[in-house]
Amino acid sequence: MGSPSAVRMPAVRVRPSSHSTSPAAHAHTIKLPVWHREQDPKLAEQYVSAARKAGEHHEELL
């Protein structure tokens, strides 16, 4: 038996007008990096701490 072959999925192209809420959803979504290294949990905790702090002081930030 050889190695399993890769499965190719067809690219899906969506016209911007076909999903009118997509740009707004993307604009209002917090994007975070993907953490996968040993030192990353500490960085992830810093992100969580910053999000909590922003949430606690949200009225001052508006």
N, C-alpha and C. Protein backbone atom coordinates (compact mmCIF):
# COMPACT_ATOMS: atom_id res chain seq x y z
N MET A 1 0.84 -1.19 0.00
CA MET A 1 0.00 0.00 0.00
C MET A 1 0.88 1.24 0.00
N GLY A 2 0.56 2.17 -0.83
CA GLY A 2 1.27 3.44 -0.85
C GLY A 2 0.64 4.42 0.10
N SER A 3 1.15 5.62 0.06
CA SER A 3 0.55 6.66 0.90
C SER A 3 -0.79 7.09 0.30
N PRO A 4 -1.72 7.52 1.13
CA PRO A 4 -3.02 7.92 0.60
C PRO A 4 -2.87 9.15 -0.28
N SER A 5 -3.64 9.22 -1.33
CA SER A 5 -3.55 10.37 -2.22
C SER A 5 -4.33 11.54 -1.63
N ALA A 6 -3.90 12.73 -1.98
CA ALA A 6 -4.57 13.93 -1.48
C ALA A 6 -5.92 14.08 -2.18
N VAL A 7 -6.88 14.57 -1.46
CA VAL A 7 -8.19 14.83 -2.03
C VAL A 7 -8.23 16.29 -2.45
N ARG A 8 -8.55 16.52 -3.69
CA ARG A 8 -8.63 17.90 -4.18
C ARG A 8 -10.08 18.35 -4.15
N MET A 9 -10.31 19.47 -3.51
CA MET A 9 -11.64 20.04 -3.46
C MET A 9 -11.70 21.19 -4.46
N PRO A 10 -12.79 21.34 -5.17
CA PRO A 10 -12.89 22.44 -6.12
C PRO A 10 -12.97 23.77 -5.39
N ALA A 11 -12.36 24.78 -5.99
CA ALA A 11 -12.43 26.12 -5.40
C ALA A 11 -13.86 26.64 -5.53
N VAL A 12 -14.32 27.31 -4.51
CA VAL A 12 -15.66 27.88 -4.54
C VAL A 12 -15.50 29.39 -4.62
N ARG A 13 -16.06 29.95 -5.62
CA ARG A 13 -16.00 31.41 -5.78
C ARG A 13 -17.39 31.98 -5.52
N VAL A 14 -17.44 32.97 -4.65
CA VAL A 14 -18.71 33.60 -4.30
C VAL A 14 -18.65 35.05 -4.70
N ARG A 15 -19.62 35.48 -5.44
CA ARG A 15 -19.68 36.90 -5.82
C ARG A 15 -20.01 37.71 -4.56
N PRO A 16 -19.35 38.85 -4.36
CA PRO A 16 -19.63 39.66 -3.16
C PRO A 16 -21.10 40.00 -2.99
N SER A 17 -21.81 40.25 -4.07
CA SER A 17 -23.21 40.63 -3.96
C SER A 17 -24.12 39.48 -3.56
N SER A 18 -23.64 38.24 -3.71
CA SER A 18 -24.51 37.11 -3.41
C SER A 18 -24.67 36.88 -1.90
N HIS A 19 -23.77 37.41 -1.11
CA HIS A 19 -23.86 37.30 0.35
C HIS A 19 -23.60 38.68 0.94
N SER A 20 -24.60 39.53 0.90
CA SER A 20 -24.41 40.93 1.25
C SER A 20 -23.99 41.15 2.71
N THR A 21 -24.25 40.20 3.61
CA THR A 21 -23.86 40.41 5.00
C THR A 21 -22.42 39.98 5.28
N SER A 22 -21.80 39.27 4.35
CA SER A 22 -20.44 38.77 4.57
C SER A 22 -19.43 39.87 4.87
N PRO A 23 -19.36 40.95 4.09
CA PRO A 23 -18.38 42.00 4.40
C PRO A 23 -18.60 42.62 5.77
N ALA A 24 -19.84 42.84 6.15
CA ALA A 24 -20.12 43.43 7.47
C ALA A 24 -19.72 42.47 8.58
N ALA A 25 -20.01 41.20 8.40
CA ALA A 25 -19.64 40.21 9.42
C ALA A 25 -18.13 40.15 9.56
N HIS A 26 -17.43 40.16 8.44
CA HIS A 26 -15.97 40.11 8.48
C HIS A 26 -15.40 41.37 9.14
N ALA A 27 -16.00 42.51 8.85
CA ALA A 27 -15.51 43.77 9.42
C ALA A 27 -15.70 43.84 10.93
N HIS A 28 -16.68 43.12 11.46
CA HIS A 28 -16.98 43.18 12.88
C HIS A 28 -16.57 41.92 13.63
N THR A 29 -15.68 41.15 13.06
CA THR A 29 -15.20 39.93 13.68
C THR A 29 -13.77 40.10 14.14
N ILE A 30 -13.47 39.66 15.34
CA ILE A 30 -12.10 39.70 15.86
C ILE A 30 -11.36 38.52 15.26
N LYS A 31 -10.26 38.81 14.60
CA LYS A 31 -9.45 37.75 14.00
C LYS A 31 -8.24 37.49 14.89
N LEU A 32 -8.03 36.26 15.25
CA LEU A 32 -6.90 35.89 16.11
C LEU A 32 -5.98 34.93 15.37
N PRO A 33 -4.71 34.96 15.72
CA PRO A 33 -3.78 34.00 15.10
C PRO A 33 -4.05 32.59 15.61
N VAL A 34 -3.48 31.63 14.92
CA VAL A 34 -3.57 30.23 15.33
C VAL A 34 -2.31 29.92 16.13
N TRP A 35 -2.50 29.40 17.34
CA TRP A 35 -1.36 29.10 18.19
C TRP A 35 -1.07 27.61 18.16
N HIS A 36 0.17 27.27 17.84
CA HIS A 36 0.52 25.85 17.75
C HIS A 36 1.93 25.54 18.24
N ARG A 37 2.65 26.53 18.71
CA ARG A 37 4.01 26.27 19.22
C ARG A 37 3.97 26.16 20.74
N GLU A 38 5.04 25.63 21.32
CA GLU A 38 5.10 25.44 22.77
C GLU A 38 4.97 26.75 23.54
N GLN A 39 5.55 27.82 23.03
CA GLN A 39 5.52 29.09 23.74
C GLN A 39 4.21 29.86 23.52
N ASP A 40 3.34 29.36 22.66
CA ASP A 40 2.12 30.09 22.32
C ASP A 40 1.06 30.16 23.41
N PRO A 41 0.92 29.18 24.31
CA PRO A 41 -0.12 29.32 25.35
C PRO A 41 0.04 30.60 26.17
N LYS A 42 1.27 31.00 26.44
CA LYS A 42 1.48 32.24 27.20
C LYS A 42 0.97 33.44 26.40
N LEU A 43 1.23 33.47 25.10
CA LEU A 43 0.74 34.54 24.24
C LEU A 43 -0.78 34.51 24.16
N ALA A 44 -1.35 33.32 24.08
CA ALA A 44 -2.81 33.19 24.04
C ALA A 44 -3.43 33.75 25.32
N GLU A 45 -2.81 33.48 26.45
CA GLU A 45 -3.30 34.03 27.72
C GLU A 45 -3.25 35.55 27.73
N GLN A 46 -2.24 36.13 27.09
CA GLN A 46 -2.15 37.58 26.99
C GLN A 46 -3.30 38.15 26.17
N TYR A 47 -3.67 37.45 25.09
CA TYR A 47 -4.82 37.86 24.28
C TYR A 47 -6.09 37.80 25.13
N VAL A 48 -6.26 36.73 25.90
CA VAL A 48 -7.45 36.57 26.74
C VAL A 48 -7.49 37.67 27.79
N SER A 49 -6.36 37.97 28.40
CA SER A 49 -6.28 39.02 29.40
C SER A 49 -6.66 40.37 28.80
N ALA A 50 -6.15 40.65 27.60
CA ALA A 50 -6.47 41.93 26.94
C ALA A 50 -7.95 42.02 26.60
N ALA A 51 -8.54 40.91 26.15
CA ALA A 51 -9.97 40.90 25.83
C ALA A 51 -10.81 41.13 27.08
N ARG A 52 -10.43 40.50 28.17
CA ARG A 52 -11.16 40.70 29.43
C ARG A 52 -11.06 42.16 29.88
N LYS A 53 -9.86 42.72 29.80
CA LYS A 53 -9.64 44.11 30.21
C LYS A 53 -10.49 45.05 29.35
N ALA A 54 -10.51 44.81 28.03
CA ALA A 54 -11.32 45.64 27.14
C ALA A 54 -12.80 45.51 27.50
N GLY A 55 -13.24 44.29 27.80
CA GLY A 55 -14.63 44.08 28.18
C GLY A 55 -15.00 44.78 29.48
N GLU A 56 -14.08 44.76 30.44
CA GLU A 56 -14.34 45.40 31.73
C GLU A 56 -14.40 46.92 31.61
N HIS A 57 -13.70 47.48 30.62
CA HIS A 57 -13.61 48.93 30.47
C HIS A 57 -14.27 49.41 29.18
N HIS A 58 -15.20 48.61 28.63
CA HIS A 58 -15.77 48.94 27.33
C HIS A 58 -16.47 50.30 27.31
N GLU A 59 -17.11 50.68 28.39
CA GLU A 59 -17.81 51.97 28.39
C GLU A 59 -16.83 53.13 28.28
N GLU A 60 -15.66 52.99 28.87
CA GLU A 60 -14.64 54.04 28.78
C GLU A 60 -14.04 54.11 27.38
N LEU A 61 -14.09 53.01 26.65
CA LEU A 61 -13.49 52.95 25.33
C LEU A 61 -14.41 53.49 24.24
N LEU A 62 -15.67 53.65 24.56
CA LEU A 62 -16.64 54.15 23.55
C LEU A 62 -16.62 55.65 23.45
